[in-house]
Amino acid sequence: MNFEEFKLNKDGMIPVIVQDYETNEVLMLAYMNKEAYDTTINTGRMTYYSRSRNELWIKGLTSGHFQYVKSLEIDCDKDTLLAKVDQVGAACHTGNRTCFYTNIYKSDCN
């Protein structure tokens, strides 16, 4: 699928939910622009656009914690990608396996 077919946010990017391909654990959320998407497709390594640094970000290039693409899926509205990856090391910059390690609410209902 071509990047031009996606419904992008006002910054020309699409959010990417990243999951472990074996466990389905949600690892992180990031964004892709066209260059990041094309690089991901061409290299097999997850590449994002860093909004804080305003630059292309190949996940793991600095840390060694690469994400290797197993599959990419688009949602029904074509405005969010789901990436299933083989995660090497931690996904989070804090050193945690996932960025979603802080619980803020848990229901007591069964």
PDB file of N, CA and C in Angstrom:
ATOM      1  N   MET A   1       0.851  -1.172   0.000  1.00  0.00           N
ATOM      2  CA  MET A   1       0.000   0.000   0.000  1.00  0.00           C
ATOM      3  C   MET A   1       0.899   1.239   0.000  1.00  0.00           C
ATOM      4  N   ASN A   2       0.537   2.208  -0.770  1.00  0.00           N
ATOM      5  CA  ASN A   2       1.308   3.441  -0.855  1.00  0.00           C
ATOM      6  C   ASN A   2       0.952   4.397   0.280  1.00  0.00           C
ATOM      7  N   PHE A   3       1.938   5.127   0.750  1.00  0.00           N
ATOM      8  CA  PHE A   3       1.763   6.082   1.838  1.00  0.00           C
ATOM      9  C   PHE A   3       0.676   7.107   1.505  1.00  0.00           C
ATOM     10  N   GLU A   4       0.554   7.455   0.238  1.00  0.00           N
ATOM     11  CA  GLU A   4      -0.426   8.457  -0.200  1.00  0.00           C
ATOM     12  C   GLU A   4      -1.873   8.009   0.034  1.00  0.00           C
ATOM     13  N   GLU A   5      -2.084   6.722   0.248  1.00  0.00           N
ATOM     14  CA  GLU A   5      -3.427   6.193   0.504  1.00  0.00           C
ATOM     15  C   GLU A   5      -3.854   6.343   1.962  1.00  0.00           C
ATOM     16  N   PHE A   6      -2.918   6.667   2.851  1.00  0.00           N
ATOM     17  CA  PHE A   6      -3.227   6.803   4.273  1.00  0.00           C
ATOM     18  C   PHE A   6      -3.888   8.146   4.558  1.00  0.00           C
ATOM     19  N   LYS A   7      -4.707   8.167   5.591  1.00  0.00           N
ATOM     20  CA  LYS A   7      -5.262   9.426   6.102  1.00  0.00           C
ATOM     21  C   LYS A   7      -4.300   9.918   7.185  1.00  0.00           C
ATOM     22  N   LEU A   8      -3.650  11.023   6.909  1.00  0.00           N
ATOM     23  CA  LEU A   8      -2.586  11.521   7.779  1.00  0.00           C
ATOM     24  C   LEU A   8      -3.092  12.582   8.740  1.00  0.00           C
ATOM     25  N   ASN A   9      -2.347  12.797   9.822  1.00  0.00           N
ATOM     26  CA  ASN A   9      -2.692  13.881  10.730  1.00  0.00           C
ATOM     27  C   ASN A   9      -2.271  15.212  10.113  1.00  0.00           C
ATOM     28  N   LYS A  10      -2.496  16.300  10.807  1.00  0.00           N
ATOM     29  CA  LYS A  10      -2.217  17.639  10.258  1.00  0.00           C
ATOM     30  C   LYS A  10      -0.735  17.856   9.962  1.00  0.00           C
ATOM     31  N   ASP A  11       0.133  17.029  10.566  1.00  0.00           N
ATOM     32  CA  ASP A  11       1.570  17.136  10.341  1.00  0.00           C
ATOM     33  C   ASP A  11       2.063  16.221   9.225  1.00  0.00           C
ATOM     34  N   GLY A  12       1.129  15.544   8.544  1.00  0.00           N
ATOM     35  CA  GLY A  12       1.508  14.650   7.452  1.00  0.00           C
ATOM     36  C   GLY A  12       2.054  13.315   7.915  1.00  0.00           C
ATOM     37  N   MET A  13       1.650  12.900   9.111  1.00  0.00           N
ATOM     38  CA  MET A  13       2.137  11.640   9.670  1.00  0.00           C
ATOM     39  C   MET A  13       0.987  10.716  10.037  1.00  0.00           C
ATOM     40  N   ILE A  14       1.339   9.447  10.235  1.00  0.00           N
ATOM     41  CA  ILE A  14       0.374   8.448  10.664  1.00  0.00           C
ATOM     42  C   ILE A  14       0.897   7.805  11.954  1.00  0.00           C
ATOM     43  N   PRO A  15       0.026   7.639  12.967  1.00  0.00           N
ATOM     44  CA  PRO A  15       0.465   6.969  14.192  1.00  0.00           C
ATOM     45  C   PRO A  15       0.653   5.471  13.947  1.00  0.00           C
ATOM     46  N   VAL A  16       1.613   4.904  14.688  1.00  0.00           N
ATOM     47  CA  VAL A  16       1.931   3.480  14.568  1.00  0.00           C
ATOM     48  C   VAL A  16       1.904   2.859  15.957  1.00  0.00           C
ATOM     49  N   ILE A  17       0.997   1.913  16.156  1.00  0.00           N
ATOM     50  CA  ILE A  17       0.956   1.127  17.385  1.00  0.00           C
ATOM     51  C   ILE A  17       1.900  -0.051  17.149  1.00  0.00           C
ATOM     52  N   VAL A  18       2.806  -0.285  18.092  1.00  0.00           N
ATOM     53  CA  VAL A  18       3.818  -1.323  17.917  1.00  0.00           C
ATOM     54  C   VAL A  18       3.595  -2.431  18.943  1.00  0.00           C
ATOM     55  N   GLN A  19       3.485  -3.672  18.446  1.00  0.00           N
ATOM     56  CA  GLN A  19       3.264  -4.841  19.290  1.00  0.00           C
ATOM     57  C   GLN A  19       4.360  -5.874  19.068  1.00  0.00           C
ATOM     58  N   ASP A  20       4.643  -6.662  20.104  1.00  0.00           N
ATOM     59  CA  ASP A  20       5.501  -7.821  19.961  1.00  0.00           C
ATOM     60  C   ASP A  20       4.751  -8.846  19.102  1.00  0.00           C
ATOM     61  N   TYR A  21       5.403  -9.376  18.086  1.00  0.00           N
ATOM     62  CA  TYR A  21       4.717 -10.266  17.147  1.00  0.00           C
ATOM     63  C   TYR A  21       4.353 -11.614  17.753  1.00  0.00           C
ATOM     64  N   GLU A  22       5.030 -12.028  18.820  1.00  0.00           N
ATOM     65  CA  GLU A  22       4.716 -13.321  19.436  1.00  0.00           C
ATOM     66  C   GLU A  22       3.686 -13.202  20.547  1.00  0.00           C
ATOM     67  N   THR A  23       3.796 -12.166  21.387  1.00  0.00           N
ATOM     68  CA  THR A  23       2.935 -12.060  22.566  1.00  0.00           C
ATOM     69  C   THR A  23       1.782 -11.070  22.400  1.00  0.00           C
ATOM     70  N   ASN A  24       1.847 -10.231  21.367  1.00  0.00           N
ATOM     71  CA  ASN A  24       0.888  -9.140  21.143  1.00  0.00           C
ATOM     72  C   ASN A  24       0.967  -8.045  22.207  1.00  0.00           C
ATOM     73  N   GLU A  25       1.995  -8.073  23.043  1.00  0.00           N
ATOM     74  CA  GLU A  25       2.200  -7.016  24.032  1.00  0.00           C
ATOM     75  C   GLU A  25       2.398  -5.682  23.302  1.00  0.00           C
ATOM     76  N   VAL A  26       1.673  -4.651  23.744  1.00  0.00           N
ATOM     77  CA  VAL A  26       1.844  -3.324  23.153  1.00  0.00           C
ATOM     78  C   VAL A  26       3.145  -2.740  23.694  1.00  0.00           C
ATOM     79  N   LEU A  27       4.049  -2.387  22.774  1.00  0.00           N
ATOM     80  CA  LEU A  27       5.371  -1.911  23.167  1.00  0.00           C
ATOM     81  C   LEU A  27       5.472  -0.393  23.170  1.00  0.00           C
ATOM     82  N   MET A  28       4.881   0.253  22.179  1.00  0.00           N
ATOM     83  CA  MET A  28       5.043   1.703  22.074  1.00  0.00           C
ATOM     84  C   MET A  28       4.088   2.263  21.022  1.00  0.00           C
ATOM     85  N   LEU A  29       4.039   3.574  20.962  1.00  0.00           N
ATOM     86  CA  LEU A  29       3.319   4.312  19.935  1.00  0.00           C
ATOM     87  C   LEU A  29       4.301   5.320  19.359  1.00  0.00           C
ATOM     88  N   ALA A  30       4.357   5.401  18.050  1.00  0.00           N
ATOM     89  CA  ALA A  30       5.244   6.355  17.394  1.00  0.00           C
ATOM     90  C   ALA A  30       4.549   6.858  16.133  1.00  0.00           C
ATOM     91  N   TYR A  31       5.240   7.691  15.373  1.00  0.00           N
ATOM     92  CA  TYR A  31       4.671   8.271  14.154  1.00  0.00           C
ATOM     93  C   TYR A  31       5.603   8.058  12.973  1.00  0.00           C
ATOM     94  N   MET A  32       4.998   7.939  11.798  1.00  0.00           N
ATOM     95  CA  MET A  32       5.766   7.820  10.560  1.00  0.00           C
ATOM     96  C   MET A  32       5.355   8.909   9.589  1.00  0.00           C
ATOM     97  N   ASN A  33       6.355   9.457   8.899  1.00  0.00           N
ATOM     98  CA  ASN A  33       6.081  10.265   7.717  1.00  0.00           C
ATOM     99  C   ASN A  33       6.398   9.375   6.512  1.00  0.00           C
ATOM    100  N   LYS A  34       6.311   9.916   5.317  1.00  0.00           N
ATOM    101  CA  LYS A  34       6.533   9.096   4.120  1.00  0.00           C
ATOM    102  C   LYS A  34       7.933   8.488   4.104  1.00  0.00           C
ATOM    103  N   GLU A  35       8.949   9.283   4.442  1.00  0.00           N
ATOM    104  CA  GLU A  35      10.318   8.783   4.423  1.00  0.00           C
ATOM    105  C   GLU A  35      10.506   7.643   5.429  1.00  0.00           C
ATOM    106  N   ALA A  36       9.930   7.764   6.613  1.00  0.00           N
ATOM    107  CA  ALA A  36      10.027   6.712   7.629  1.00  0.00           C
ATOM    108  C   ALA A  36       9.330   5.441   7.156  1.00  0.00           C
ATOM    109  N   TYR A  37       8.159   5.595   6.547  1.00  0.00           N
ATOM    110  CA  TYR A  37       7.416   4.441   6.035  1.00  0.00           C
ATOM    111  C   TYR A  37       8.218   3.745   4.943  1.00  0.00           C
ATOM    112  N   ASP A  38       8.704   4.502   3.983  1.00  0.00           N
ATOM    113  CA  ASP A  38       9.466   3.921   2.874  1.00  0.00           C
ATOM    114  C   ASP A  38      10.730   3.225   3.380  1.00  0.00           C
ATOM    115  N   THR A  39      11.409   3.829   4.339  1.00  0.00           N
ATOM    116  CA  THR A  39      12.624   3.229   4.901  1.00  0.00           C
ATOM    117  C   THR A  39      12.286   1.926   5.614  1.00  0.00           C
ATOM    118  N   THR A  40      11.188   1.911   6.365  1.00  0.00           N
ATOM    119  CA  THR A  40      10.751   0.691   7.051  1.00  0.00           C
ATOM    120  C   THR A  40      10.491  -0.422   6.046  1.00  0.00           C
ATOM    121  N   ILE A  41       9.750  -0.120   4.994  1.00  0.00           N
ATOM    122  CA  ILE A  41       9.420  -1.116   3.973  1.00  0.00           C
ATOM    123  C   ILE A  41      10.683  -1.625   3.282  1.00  0.00           C
ATOM    124  N   ASN A  42      11.606  -0.725   2.994  1.00  0.00           N
ATOM    125  CA  ASN A  42      12.813  -1.096   2.240  1.00  0.00           C
ATOM    126  C   ASN A  42      13.873  -1.813   3.063  1.00  0.00           C
ATOM    127  N   THR A  43      13.913  -1.575   4.384  1.00  0.00           N
ATOM    128  CA  THR A  43      14.976  -2.158   5.211  1.00  0.00           C
ATOM    129  C   THR A  43      14.507  -3.285   6.125  1.00  0.00           C
ATOM    130  N   GLY A  44      13.207  -3.327   6.429  1.00  0.00           N
ATOM    131  CA  GLY A  44      12.706  -4.320   7.378  1.00  0.00           C
ATOM    132  C   GLY A  44      12.946  -3.936   8.826  1.00  0.00           C
ATOM    133  N   ARG A  45      13.479  -2.730   9.061  1.00  0.00           N
ATOM    134  CA  ARG A  45      13.683  -2.224  10.417  1.00  0.00           C
ATOM    135  C   ARG A  45      12.739  -1.052  10.642  1.00  0.00           C
ATOM    136  N   MET A  46      12.081  -1.047  11.803  1.00  0.00           N
ATOM    137  CA  MET A  46      11.128   0.017  12.089  1.00  0.00           C
ATOM    138  C   MET A  46      11.851   1.359  12.131  1.00  0.00           C
ATOM    139  N   THR A  47      11.287   2.283  11.362  1.00  0.00           N
ATOM    140  CA  THR A  47      11.823   3.635  11.270  1.00  0.00           C
ATOM    141  C   THR A  47      10.671   4.599  11.478  1.00  0.00           C
ATOM    142  N   TYR A  48      10.882   5.589  12.301  1.00  0.00           N
ATOM    143  CA  TYR A  48       9.842   6.541  12.655  1.00  0.00           C
ATOM    144  C   TYR A  48      10.318   7.953  12.365  1.00  0.00           C
ATOM    145  N   TYR A  49       9.411   8.903  12.601  1.00  0.00           N
ATOM    146  CA  TYR A  49       9.803  10.304  12.569  1.00  0.00           C
ATOM    147  C   TYR A  49       9.744  10.810  14.001  1.00  0.00           C
ATOM    148  N   SER A  50      10.870  11.265  14.514  1.00  0.00           N
ATOM    149  CA  SER A  50      10.927  11.798  15.874  1.00  0.00           C
ATOM    150  C   SER A  50      10.389  13.222  15.868  1.00  0.00           C
ATOM    151  N   ARG A  51       9.244  13.424  16.495  1.00  0.00           N
ATOM    152  CA  ARG A  51       8.644  14.759  16.552  1.00  0.00           C
ATOM    153  C   ARG A  51       9.441  15.683  17.464  1.00  0.00           C
ATOM    154  N   SER A  52      10.064  15.129  18.500  1.00  0.00           N
ATOM    155  CA  SER A  52      10.829  15.975  19.427  1.00  0.00           C
ATOM    156  C   SER A  52      12.168  16.416  18.818  1.00  0.00           C
ATOM    157  N   ARG A  53      12.760  15.553  17.998  1.00  0.00           N
ATOM    158  CA  ARG A  53      14.043  15.896  17.381  1.00  0.00           C
ATOM    159  C   ARG A  53      13.890  16.387  15.939  1.00  0.00           C
ATOM    160  N   ASN A  54      12.678  16.274  15.402  1.00  0.00           N
ATOM    161  CA  ASN A  54      12.404  16.668  14.014  1.00  0.00           C
ATOM    162  C   ASN A  54      13.344  15.991  13.029  1.00  0.00           C
ATOM    163  N   GLU A  55      13.447  14.656  13.165  1.00  0.00           N
ATOM    164  CA  GLU A  55      14.313  13.902  12.251  1.00  0.00           C
ATOM    165  C   GLU A  55      13.878  12.448  12.153  1.00  0.00           C
ATOM    166  N   LEU A  56      14.352  11.795  11.101  1.00  0.00           N
ATOM    167  CA  LEU A  56      14.115  10.374  10.924  1.00  0.00           C
ATOM    168  C   LEU A  56      14.780   9.616  12.067  1.00  0.00           C
ATOM    169  N   TRP A  57      14.120   8.562  12.556  1.00  0.00           N
ATOM    170  CA  TRP A  57      14.593   7.823  13.719  1.00  0.00           C
ATOM    171  C   TRP A  57      14.503   6.330  13.429  1.00  0.00           C
ATOM    172  N   ILE A  58      15.643   5.710  13.176  1.00  0.00           N
ATOM    173  CA  ILE A  58      15.693   4.262  13.009  1.00  0.00           C
ATOM    174  C   ILE A  58      15.790   3.664  14.402  1.00  0.00           C
ATOM    175  N   LYS A  59      14.732   2.995  14.813  1.00  0.00           N
ATOM    176  CA  LYS A  59      14.666   2.446  16.170  1.00  0.00           C
ATOM    177  C   LYS A  59      15.828   1.484  16.391  1.00  0.00           C
ATOM    178  N   GLY A  60      16.652   1.778  17.388  1.00  0.00           N
ATOM    179  CA  GLY A  60      17.757   0.919  17.754  1.00  0.00           C
ATOM    180  C   GLY A  60      19.110   1.368  17.240  1.00  0.00           C
ATOM    181  N   LEU A  61      19.139   2.353  16.360  1.00  0.00           N
ATOM    182  CA  LEU A  61      20.409   2.792  15.791  1.00  0.00           C
ATOM    183  C   LEU A  61      21.371   3.279  16.868  1.00  0.00           C
ATOM    184  N   THR A  62      20.847   3.958  17.878  1.00  0.00           N
ATOM    185  CA  THR A  62      21.682   4.442  18.978  1.00  0.00           C
ATOM    186  C   THR A  62      21.778   3.412  20.102  1.00  0.00           C
ATOM    187  N   SER A  63      20.640   2.825  20.475  1.00  0.00           N
ATOM    188  CA  SER A  63      20.573   1.933  21.637  1.00  0.00           C
ATOM    189  C   SER A  63      20.932   0.484  21.337  1.00  0.00           C
ATOM    190  N   GLY A  64      20.812   0.077  20.079  1.00  0.00           N
ATOM    191  CA  GLY A  64      20.979  -1.334  19.736  1.00  0.00           C
ATOM    192  C   GLY A  64      19.705  -2.138  19.916  1.00  0.00           C
ATOM    193  N   HIS A  65      18.618  -1.467  20.332  1.00  0.00           N
ATOM    194  CA  HIS A  65      17.332  -2.131  20.575  1.00  0.00           C
ATOM    195  C   HIS A  65      16.452  -2.021  19.326  1.00  0.00           C
ATOM    196  N   PHE A  66      16.852  -2.725  18.290  1.00  0.00           N
ATOM    197  CA  PHE A  66      16.148  -2.661  17.006  1.00  0.00           C
ATOM    198  C   PHE A  66      14.793  -3.331  17.063  1.00  0.00           C
ATOM    199  N   GLN A  67      13.941  -2.924  16.145  1.00  0.00           N
ATOM    200  CA  GLN A  67      12.649  -3.565  15.930  1.00  0.00           C
ATOM    201  C   GLN A  67      12.629  -4.043  14.483  1.00  0.00           C
ATOM    202  N   TYR A  68      12.503  -5.360  14.307  1.00  0.00           N
ATOM    203  CA  TYR A  68      12.448  -5.943  12.978  1.00  0.00           C
ATOM    204  C   TYR A  68      10.990  -6.224  12.624  1.00  0.00           C
ATOM    205  N   VAL A  69      10.567  -5.735  11.483  1.00  0.00           N
ATOM    206  CA  VAL A  69       9.165  -5.825  11.065  1.00  0.00           C
ATOM    207  C   VAL A  69       8.788  -7.261  10.763  1.00  0.00           C
ATOM    208  N   LYS A  70       7.695  -7.703  11.348  1.00  0.00           N
ATOM    209  CA  LYS A  70       7.095  -8.989  11.003  1.00  0.00           C
ATOM    210  C   LYS A  70       5.845  -8.769  10.156  1.00  0.00           C
ATOM    211  N   SER A  71       5.071  -7.717  10.494  1.00  0.00           N
ATOM    212  CA  SER A  71       3.903  -7.373   9.666  1.00  0.00           C
ATOM    213  C   SER A  71       3.500  -5.932   9.931  1.00  0.00           C
ATOM    214  N   LEU A  72       2.871  -5.328   8.940  1.00  0.00           N
ATOM    215  CA  LEU A  72       2.258  -4.002   9.060  1.00  0.00           C
ATOM    216  C   LEU A  72       0.815  -4.133   8.616  1.00  0.00           C
ATOM    217  N   GLU A  73      -0.091  -3.579   9.410  1.00  0.00           N
ATOM    218  CA  GLU A  73      -1.513  -3.598   9.084  1.00  0.00           C
ATOM    219  C   GLU A  73      -2.055  -2.186   9.213  1.00  0.00           C
ATOM    220  N   ILE A  74      -3.102  -1.902   8.464  1.00  0.00           N
ATOM    221  CA  ILE A  74      -3.755  -0.588   8.513  1.00  0.00           C
ATOM    222  C   ILE A  74      -5.154  -0.787   9.076  1.00  0.00           C
ATOM    223  N   ASP A  75      -5.646   0.169   9.842  1.00  0.00           N
ATOM    224  CA  ASP A  75      -7.002   0.049  10.378  1.00  0.00           C
ATOM    225  C   ASP A  75      -8.026   0.387   9.304  1.00  0.00           C
ATOM    226  N   CYS A  76      -9.294   0.204   9.634  1.00  0.00           N
ATOM    227  CA  CYS A  76     -10.385   0.363   8.670  1.00  0.00           C
ATOM    228  C   CYS A  76     -10.522   1.778   8.129  1.00  0.00           C
ATOM    229  N   ASP A  77     -10.095   2.770   8.902  1.00  0.00           N
ATOM    230  CA  ASP A  77     -10.163   4.165   8.459  1.00  0.00           C
ATOM    231  C   ASP A  77      -8.901   4.616   7.726  1.00  0.00           C
ATOM    232  N   LYS A  78      -7.914   3.744   7.683  1.00  0.00           N
ATOM    233  CA  LYS A  78      -6.623   4.034   7.058  1.00  0.00           C
ATOM    234  C   LYS A  78      -5.904   5.219   7.706  1.00  0.00           C
ATOM    235  N   ASP A  79      -6.106   5.350   9.053  1.00  0.00           N
ATOM    236  CA  ASP A  79      -5.438   6.456   9.750  1.00  0.00           C
ATOM    237  C   ASP A  79      -4.529   6.013  10.895  1.00  0.00           C
ATOM    238  N   THR A  80      -4.329   4.700  11.054  1.00  0.00           N
ATOM    239  CA  THR A  80      -3.440   4.169  12.076  1.00  0.00           C
ATOM    240  C   THR A  80      -2.827   2.861  11.581  1.00  0.00           C
ATOM    241  N   LEU A  81      -1.523   2.711  11.790  1.00  0.00           N
ATOM    242  CA  LEU A  81      -0.843   1.471  11.458  1.00  0.00           C
ATOM    243  C   LEU A  81      -0.638   0.631  12.704  1.00  0.00           C
ATOM    244  N   LEU A  82      -0.648  -0.681  12.519  1.00  0.00           N
ATOM    245  CA  LEU A  82      -0.298  -1.629  13.564  1.00  0.00           C
ATOM    246  C   LEU A  82       0.926  -2.384  13.064  1.00  0.00           C
ATOM    247  N   ALA A  83       2.028  -2.259  13.795  1.00  0.00           N
ATOM    248  CA  ALA A  83       3.264  -2.954  13.438  1.00  0.00           C
ATOM    249  C   ALA A  83       3.504  -4.069  14.432  1.00  0.00           C
ATOM    250  N   LYS A  84       3.680  -5.266  13.920  1.00  0.00           N
ATOM    251  CA  LYS A  84       4.085  -6.388  14.769  1.00  0.00           C
ATOM    252  C   LYS A  84       5.568  -6.603  14.491  1.00  0.00           C
ATOM    253  N   VAL A  85       6.353  -6.601  15.580  1.00  0.00           N
ATOM    254  CA  VAL A  85       7.805  -6.572  15.444  1.00  0.00           C
ATOM    255  C   VAL A  85       8.486  -7.634  16.300  1.00  0.00           C
ATOM    256  N   ASP A  86       9.691  -7.948  15.903  1.00  0.00           N
ATOM    257  CA  ASP A  86      10.610  -8.708  16.728  1.00  0.00           C
ATOM    258  C   ASP A  86      11.452  -7.661  17.444  1.00  0.00           C
ATOM    259  N   GLN A  87      11.190  -7.474  18.729  1.00  0.00           N
ATOM    260  CA  GLN A  87      11.852  -6.444  19.529  1.00  0.00           C
ATOM    261  C   GLN A  87      13.141  -6.996  20.121  1.00  0.00           C
ATOM    262  N   VAL A  88      14.253  -6.321  19.860  1.00  0.00           N
ATOM    263  CA  VAL A  88      15.539  -6.676  20.460  1.00  0.00           C
ATOM    264  C   VAL A  88      15.772  -5.721  21.629  1.00  0.00           C
ATOM    265  N   GLY A  89      15.808  -6.249  22.838  1.00  0.00           N
ATOM    266  CA  GLY A  89      16.004  -5.397  24.010  1.00  0.00           C
ATOM    267  C   GLY A  89      14.746  -4.631  24.365  1.00  0.00           C
ATOM    268  N   ALA A  90      14.937  -3.484  24.987  1.00  0.00           N
ATOM    269  CA  ALA A  90      13.831  -2.658  25.480  1.00  0.00           C
ATOM    270  C   ALA A  90      13.249  -1.798  24.366  1.00  0.00           C
ATOM    271  N   ALA A  91      11.933  -1.630  24.374  1.00  0.00           N
ATOM    272  CA  ALA A  91      11.283  -0.731  23.417  1.00  0.00           C
ATOM    273  C   ALA A  91      11.300   0.710  23.922  1.00  0.00           C
ATOM    274  N   CYS A  92      11.260   0.882  25.230  1.00  0.00           N
ATOM    275  CA  CYS A  92      11.151   2.216  25.824  1.00  0.00           C
ATOM    276  C   CYS A  92      12.528   2.830  26.087  1.00  0.00           C
ATOM    277  N   HIS A  93      12.617   4.136  25.903  1.00  0.00           N
ATOM    278  CA  HIS A  93      13.880   4.842  26.157  1.00  0.00           C
ATOM    279  C   HIS A  93      14.285   4.813  27.630  1.00  0.00           C
ATOM    280  N   THR A  94      13.350   4.432  28.511  1.00  0.00           N
ATOM    281  CA  THR A  94      13.657   4.338  29.940  1.00  0.00           C
ATOM    282  C   THR A  94      14.351   3.029  30.285  1.00  0.00           C
ATOM    283  N   GLY A  95      14.409   2.117  29.320  1.00  0.00           N
ATOM    284  CA  GLY A  95      14.994   0.802  29.566  1.00  0.00           C
ATOM    285  C   GLY A  95      13.957  -0.266  29.849  1.00  0.00           C
ATOM    286  N   ASN A  96      12.688   0.124  29.955  1.00  0.00           N
ATOM    287  CA  ASN A  96      11.613  -0.845  30.151  1.00  0.00           C
ATOM    288  C   ASN A  96      11.287  -1.534  28.836  1.00  0.00           C
ATOM    289  N   ARG A  97      10.808  -2.751  28.924  1.00  0.00           N
ATOM    290  CA  ARG A  97      10.458  -3.504  27.709  1.00  0.00           C
ATOM    291  C   ARG A  97       9.400  -2.774  26.894  1.00  0.00           C
ATOM    292  N   THR A  98       8.422  -2.188  27.568  1.00  0.00           N
ATOM    293  CA  THR A  98       7.336  -1.470  26.918  1.00  0.00           C
ATOM    294  C   THR A  98       7.251  -0.054  27.474  1.00  0.00           C
ATOM    295  N   CYS A  99       6.706   0.843  26.686  1.00  0.00           N
ATOM    296  CA  CYS A  99       6.476   2.213  27.170  1.00  0.00           C
ATOM    297  C   CYS A  99       5.262   2.276  28.090  1.00  0.00           C
ATOM    298  N   PHE A 100       4.437   1.228  28.068  1.00  0.00           N
ATOM    299  CA  PHE A 100       3.197   1.207  28.851  1.00  0.00           C
ATOM    300  C   PHE A 100       3.389   0.376  30.113  1.00  0.00           C
ATOM    301  N   TYR A 101       4.172   0.888  31.047  1.00  0.00           N
ATOM    302  CA  TYR A 101       4.460   0.165  32.281  1.00  0.00           C
ATOM    303  C   TYR A 101       3.864   0.840  33.517  1.00  0.00           C
ATOM    304  N   THR A 102       3.205   1.990  33.344  1.00  0.00           N
ATOM    305  CA  THR A 102       2.628   2.702  34.477  1.00  0.00           C
ATOM    306  C   THR A 102       1.110   2.555  34.479  1.00  0.00           C
ATOM    307  N   ASN A 103       0.586   1.819  35.452  1.00  0.00           N
ATOM    308  CA  ASN A 103      -0.858   1.630  35.565  1.00  0.00           C
ATOM    309  C   ASN A 103      -1.466   2.841  36.258  1.00  0.00           C
ATOM    310  N   ILE A 104      -2.525   3.408  35.676  1.00  0.00           N
ATOM    311  CA  ILE A 104      -3.195   4.550  36.306  1.00  0.00           C
ATOM    312  C   ILE A 104      -4.605   4.214  36.768  1.00  0.00           C
ATOM    313  N   TYR A 105      -5.129   3.047  36.356  1.00  0.00           N
ATOM    314  CA  TYR A 105      -6.466   2.644  36.808  1.00  0.00           C
ATOM    315  C   TYR A 105      -6.628   1.155  36.559  1.00  0.00           C
ATOM    316  N   LYS A 106      -7.255   0.493  37.514  1.00  0.00           N
ATOM    317  CA  LYS A 106      -7.574  -0.924  37.354  1.00  0.00           C
ATOM    318  C   LYS A 106      -8.915  -1.174  37.975  1.00  0.00           C
ATOM    319  N   SER A 107      -9.830  -1.722  37.208  1.00  0.00           N
ATOM    320  CA  SER A 107     -11.184  -1.994  37.679  1.00  0.00           C
ATOM    321  C   SER A 107     -11.184  -3.218  38.586  1.00  0.00           C
ATOM    322  N   ASP A 108     -12.039  -3.174  39.603  1.00  0.00           N
ATOM    323  CA  ASP A 108     -12.200  -4.315  40.493  1.00  0.00           C
ATOM    324  C   ASP A 108     -13.298  -5.249  39.997  1.00  0.00           C
ATOM    325  N   CYS A 109     -13.975  -4.874  38.918  1.00  0.00           N
ATOM    326  CA  CYS A 109     -15.062  -5.684  38.373  1.00  0.00           C
ATOM    327  C   CYS A 109     -14.518  -6.908  37.664  1.00  0.00           C
ATOM    328  N   ASN A 110     -15.291  -7.974  37.707  1.00  0.00           N
ATOM    329  CA  ASN A 110     -14.887  -9.218  37.027  1.00  0.00           C
ATOM    330  C   ASN A 110     -15.325  -9.198  35.614  1.00  0.00           C
TER     331      ASN A 110
END
